[in-house]
Structures are given as structure tokens and as C-alpha cells.
Amino acid sequence: MELKGQIEEIIYQNDSNSYTIAVLATEENIVTIVGYLPFITVGDSLKVNGKMVIHQDYGEQFKIDTFEKIMPETTEALEKYLASRKYKRNWSCNSKKNNRKIWRRYFKYIQIRAFEIS
């Protein structure tokens, strides 16, 4: 089974082995995901493969076998990604005030750069 979405919250992350419990927002719903996810932060967009499991204490969870970081696909996803702790500039404060044209132009720039790099 494959899910695609954005990390909304990290509930737990082990620093030594990167075992992570996080909340992934997909287009359809919000899912708790568990697995080894190194270098993941709130706002990252992911494509994850795995299966739904029932934990005896915590209920339904998506256990990840493999994952891939992907580019944010919407302006809102890009806003959340830029507002994450990876960037020193506080994009979230300015994002609502900025013109949508600026965001679209920046999003297009990131897509072009990603294509050139890959």
C-alpha cells in the first residue's frame, strides 16, 4: 500500500536510530505512521510504502517499509515546508501577506532547480 502526504506532526523520534512516530496528512485523511525515518521534519512531503497494522495499545497505524521525500505539490504544502525549522527566515509570518504570484514563481523555481539537479 502506498500513501502520499505531508508530515503534520512528529509525535516521537529516536535520535540514535531514527525510529519515528508521526502524523501524515494525505488528501483523504490523517494517518499515524511508524518506522525508521531519518532526517524527517514537520512539513516534509513523503511517499511511503507499507501496510496498516493494529497496535494493541495505540490502535491503527501505517507501518513503513520504504519512504521517499518528494517536492511539495501545492502552495500550502510549500508554505508549511518553508515554515519548518530547517529555515531561519520565518516564512509562515510573511506567507499570508505575500502575493500568491510570488509563491507561484518561487514554487516554479524550486521545481526547475530540482529537475536540473536530478
C-alpha atoms as a PDB file:
ATOM      1  CA  MET A   1       0.000   0.000   0.000  1.00  0.00           C
ATOM      2  CA  GLU A   2       1.283   3.473  -0.855  1.00  0.00           C
ATOM      3  CA  LEU A   3       0.434   6.786   0.829  1.00  0.00           C
ATOM      4  CA  LYS A   4       1.445  10.260  -0.226  1.00  0.00           C
ATOM      5  CA  GLY A   5       1.197  13.276   2.047  1.00  0.00           C
ATOM      6  CA  GLN A   6       2.833  15.816   4.303  1.00  0.00           C
ATOM      7  CA  ILE A   7       4.185  15.398   7.835  1.00  0.00           C
ATOM      8  CA  GLU A   8       1.889  17.385  10.137  1.00  0.00           C
ATOM      9  CA  GLU A   9       3.379  16.425  13.491  1.00  0.00           C
ATOM     10  CA  ILE A  10       6.197  14.299  14.867  1.00  0.00           C
ATOM     11  CA  ILE A  11       4.982  12.512  17.975  1.00  0.00           C
ATOM     12  CA  TYR A  12       8.238  10.693  18.746  1.00  0.00           C
ATOM     13  CA  GLN A  13      11.670  10.431  17.102  1.00  0.00           C
ATOM     14  CA  ASN A  14      14.564   8.376  18.448  1.00  0.00           C
ATOM     15  CA  ASP A  15      17.819  10.259  17.876  1.00  0.00           C
ATOM     16  CA  SER A  16      20.019   7.162  17.835  1.00  0.00           C
ATOM     17  CA  ASN A  17      18.163   5.024  15.251  1.00  0.00           C
ATOM     18  CA  SER A  18      15.638   7.481  13.706  1.00  0.00           C
ATOM     19  CA  TYR A  19      12.581   5.411  14.656  1.00  0.00           C
ATOM     20  CA  THR A  20       9.721   7.851  14.218  1.00  0.00           C
ATOM     21  CA  ILE A  21       6.034   8.089  15.046  1.00  0.00           C
ATOM     22  CA  ALA A  22       4.433  10.876  13.042  1.00  0.00           C
ATOM     23  CA  VAL A  23       1.146  12.163  11.668  1.00  0.00           C
ATOM     24  CA  LEU A  24       0.868  12.175   7.868  1.00  0.00           C
ATOM     25  CA  ALA A  25      -1.863  14.245   6.217  1.00  0.00           C
ATOM     26  CA  THR A  26      -2.957  12.701   2.910  1.00  0.00           C
ATOM     27  CA  GLU A  27      -5.606  14.042   0.545  1.00  0.00           C
ATOM     28  CA  GLU A  28      -8.191  11.651   2.031  1.00  0.00           C
ATOM     29  CA  ASN A  29      -7.374  11.537   5.746  1.00  0.00           C
ATOM     30  CA  ILE A  30      -4.821  11.819   8.534  1.00  0.00           C
ATOM     31  CA  VAL A  31      -2.756   8.719   9.339  1.00  0.00           C
ATOM     32  CA  THR A  32      -0.329   7.825  12.116  1.00  0.00           C
ATOM     33  CA  ILE A  33       2.850   6.440  10.536  1.00  0.00           C
ATOM     34  CA  VAL A  34       5.620   4.495  12.249  1.00  0.00           C
ATOM     35  CA  GLY A  35       9.031   3.394  11.034  1.00  0.00           C
ATOM     36  CA  TYR A  36      12.647   4.389  10.536  1.00  0.00           C
ATOM     37  CA  LEU A  37      12.587   7.873   9.010  1.00  0.00           C
ATOM     38  CA  PRO A  38      15.970   9.621   9.219  1.00  0.00           C
ATOM     39  CA  PHE A  39      16.168  13.376   8.556  1.00  0.00           C
ATOM     40  CA  ILE A  40      12.395  13.921   8.552  1.00  0.00           C
ATOM     41  CA  THR A  41      10.880  17.129   9.919  1.00  0.00           C
ATOM     42  CA  VAL A  42       7.422  18.678  10.104  1.00  0.00           C
ATOM     43  CA  GLY A  43       6.404  19.972   6.682  1.00  0.00           C
ATOM     44  CA  ASP A  44       8.226  17.316   4.638  1.00  0.00           C
ATOM     45  CA  SER A  45       6.237  15.725   1.824  1.00  0.00           C
ATOM     46  CA  LEU A  46       6.621  11.946   1.659  1.00  0.00           C
ATOM     47  CA  LYS A  47       5.619   8.963  -0.430  1.00  0.00           C
ATOM     48  CA  VAL A  48       5.552   5.940   1.908  1.00  0.00           C
ATOM     49  CA  ASN A  49       5.095   2.231   1.220  1.00  0.00           C
ATOM     50  CA  GLY A  50       3.998  -0.237   3.867  1.00  0.00           C
ATOM     51  CA  LYS A  51       0.897  -1.686   5.460  1.00  0.00           C
ATOM     52  CA  MET A  52      -1.776  -0.803   8.001  1.00  0.00           C
ATOM     53  CA  VAL A  53      -1.327  -2.589  11.326  1.00  0.00           C
ATOM     54  CA  ILE A  54      -3.285  -2.581  14.575  1.00  0.00           C
ATOM     55  CA  HIS A  55      -1.149  -1.842  17.638  1.00  0.00           C
ATOM     56  CA  GLN A  56      -2.618  -3.331  20.817  1.00  0.00           C
ATOM     57  CA  ASP A  57      -2.188  -0.071  22.773  1.00  0.00           C
ATOM     58  CA  TYR A  58      -2.252   2.684  20.151  1.00  0.00           C
ATOM     59  CA  GLY A  59      -4.661   1.368  17.520  1.00  0.00           C
ATOM     60  CA  GLU A  60      -4.391   1.637  13.752  1.00  0.00           C
ATOM     61  CA  GLN A  61      -1.020   2.728  12.358  1.00  0.00           C
ATOM     62  CA  PHE A  62       0.722   2.637   8.993  1.00  0.00           C
ATOM     63  CA  LYS A  63       3.994   0.677   9.317  1.00  0.00           C
ATOM     64  CA  ILE A  64       6.520   1.993   6.799  1.00  0.00           C
ATOM     65  CA  ASP A  65       8.741  -0.345   4.777  1.00  0.00           C
ATOM     66  CA  THR A  66      10.212   2.322   2.444  1.00  0.00           C
ATOM     67  CA  PHE A  67       9.799   6.062   2.008  1.00  0.00           C
ATOM     68  CA  GLU A  68      10.821   8.810  -0.364  1.00  0.00           C
ATOM     69  CA  LYS A  69      10.910  12.573   0.173  1.00  0.00           C
ATOM     70  CA  ILE A  70       9.047  14.387  -2.589  1.00  0.00           C
ATOM     71  CA  MET A  71       8.619  18.015  -3.634  1.00  0.00           C
ATOM     72  CA  PRO A  72       5.645  19.886  -2.130  1.00  0.00           C
ATOM     73  CA  GLU A  73       2.863  19.880  -4.726  1.00  0.00           C
ATOM     74  CA  THR A  74       0.667  22.770  -3.579  1.00  0.00           C
ATOM     75  CA  THR A  75       1.268  26.320  -2.444  1.00  0.00           C
ATOM     76  CA  GLU A  76       0.001  25.438   1.031  1.00  0.00           C
ATOM     77  CA  ALA A  77       2.394  22.464   1.235  1.00  0.00           C
ATOM     78  CA  LEU A  78       5.270  24.693   0.145  1.00  0.00           C
ATOM     79  CA  GLU A  79       4.307  27.267   2.800  1.00  0.00           C
ATOM     80  CA  LYS A  80       4.345  24.605   5.520  1.00  0.00           C
ATOM     81  CA  TYR A  81       7.660  23.212   4.238  1.00  0.00           C
ATOM     82  CA  LEU A  82       9.316  26.640   4.294  1.00  0.00           C
ATOM     83  CA  ALA A  83       7.883  27.379   7.743  1.00  0.00           C
ATOM     84  CA  SER A  84       9.517  24.239   9.162  1.00  0.00           C
ATOM     85  CA  ARG A  85      12.506  24.556  11.476  1.00  0.00           C
ATOM     86  CA  LYS A  86      15.011  23.935   8.660  1.00  0.00           C
ATOM     87  CA  TYR A  87      14.847  27.562   7.544  1.00  0.00           C
ATOM     88  CA  LYS A  88      15.919  30.535   9.616  1.00  0.00           C
ATOM     89  CA  ARG A  89      13.608  33.025   7.930  1.00  0.00           C
ATOM     90  CA  ASN A  90      10.085  32.956   9.339  1.00  0.00           C
ATOM     91  CA  TRP A  91       8.160  32.238   6.146  1.00  0.00           C
ATOM     92  CA  SER A  92       4.926  31.485   7.973  1.00  0.00           C
ATOM     93  CA  CYS A  93       4.540  35.061   9.215  1.00  0.00           C
ATOM     94  CA  ASN A  94       5.106  36.547   5.796  1.00  0.00           C
ATOM     95  CA  SER A  95       3.291  33.930   3.747  1.00  0.00           C
ATOM     96  CA  LYS A  96      -0.222  35.264   4.328  1.00  0.00           C
ATOM     97  CA  LYS A  97       0.842  38.803   3.438  1.00  0.00           C
ATOM     98  CA  ASN A  98       2.776  37.899   0.286  1.00  0.00           C
ATOM     99  CA  ASN A  99       1.199  37.913  -3.086  1.00  0.00           C
ATOM    100  CA  ARG A 100       0.263  34.481  -4.498  1.00  0.00           C
ATOM    101  CA  LYS A 101       2.244  35.337  -7.660  1.00  0.00           C
ATOM    102  CA  ILE A 102       5.447  35.416  -5.633  1.00  0.00           C
ATOM    103  CA  TRP A 103       4.707  31.987  -4.160  1.00  0.00           C
ATOM    104  CA  ARG A 104       3.877  30.516  -7.580  1.00  0.00           C
ATOM    105  CA  ARG A 105       7.092  31.934  -9.036  1.00  0.00           C
ATOM    106  CA  TYR A 106       9.158  30.536  -6.132  1.00  0.00           C
ATOM    107  CA  PHE A 107       7.441  27.152  -6.420  1.00  0.00           C
ATOM    108  CA  LYS A 108       8.207  27.035 -10.160  1.00  0.00           C
ATOM    109  CA  TYR A 109      11.848  27.964  -9.425  1.00  0.00           C
ATOM    110  CA  ILE A 110      12.182  25.085  -6.959  1.00  0.00           C
ATOM    111  CA  GLN A 111      10.680  22.651  -9.476  1.00  0.00           C
ATOM    112  CA  ILE A 112      13.100  23.789 -12.195  1.00  0.00           C
ATOM    113  CA  ARG A 113      16.113  23.527  -9.842  1.00  0.00           C
ATOM    114  CA  ALA A 114      15.049  20.054  -8.711  1.00  0.00           C
ATOM    115  CA  PHE A 115      14.753  18.941 -12.343  1.00  0.00           C
ATOM    116  CA  GLU A 116      18.233  20.336 -13.154  1.00  0.00           C
ATOM    117  CA  ILE A 117      19.792  18.571 -10.171  1.00  0.00           C
ATOM    118  CA  SER A 118      18.228  15.176 -10.858  1.00  0.00           C
END
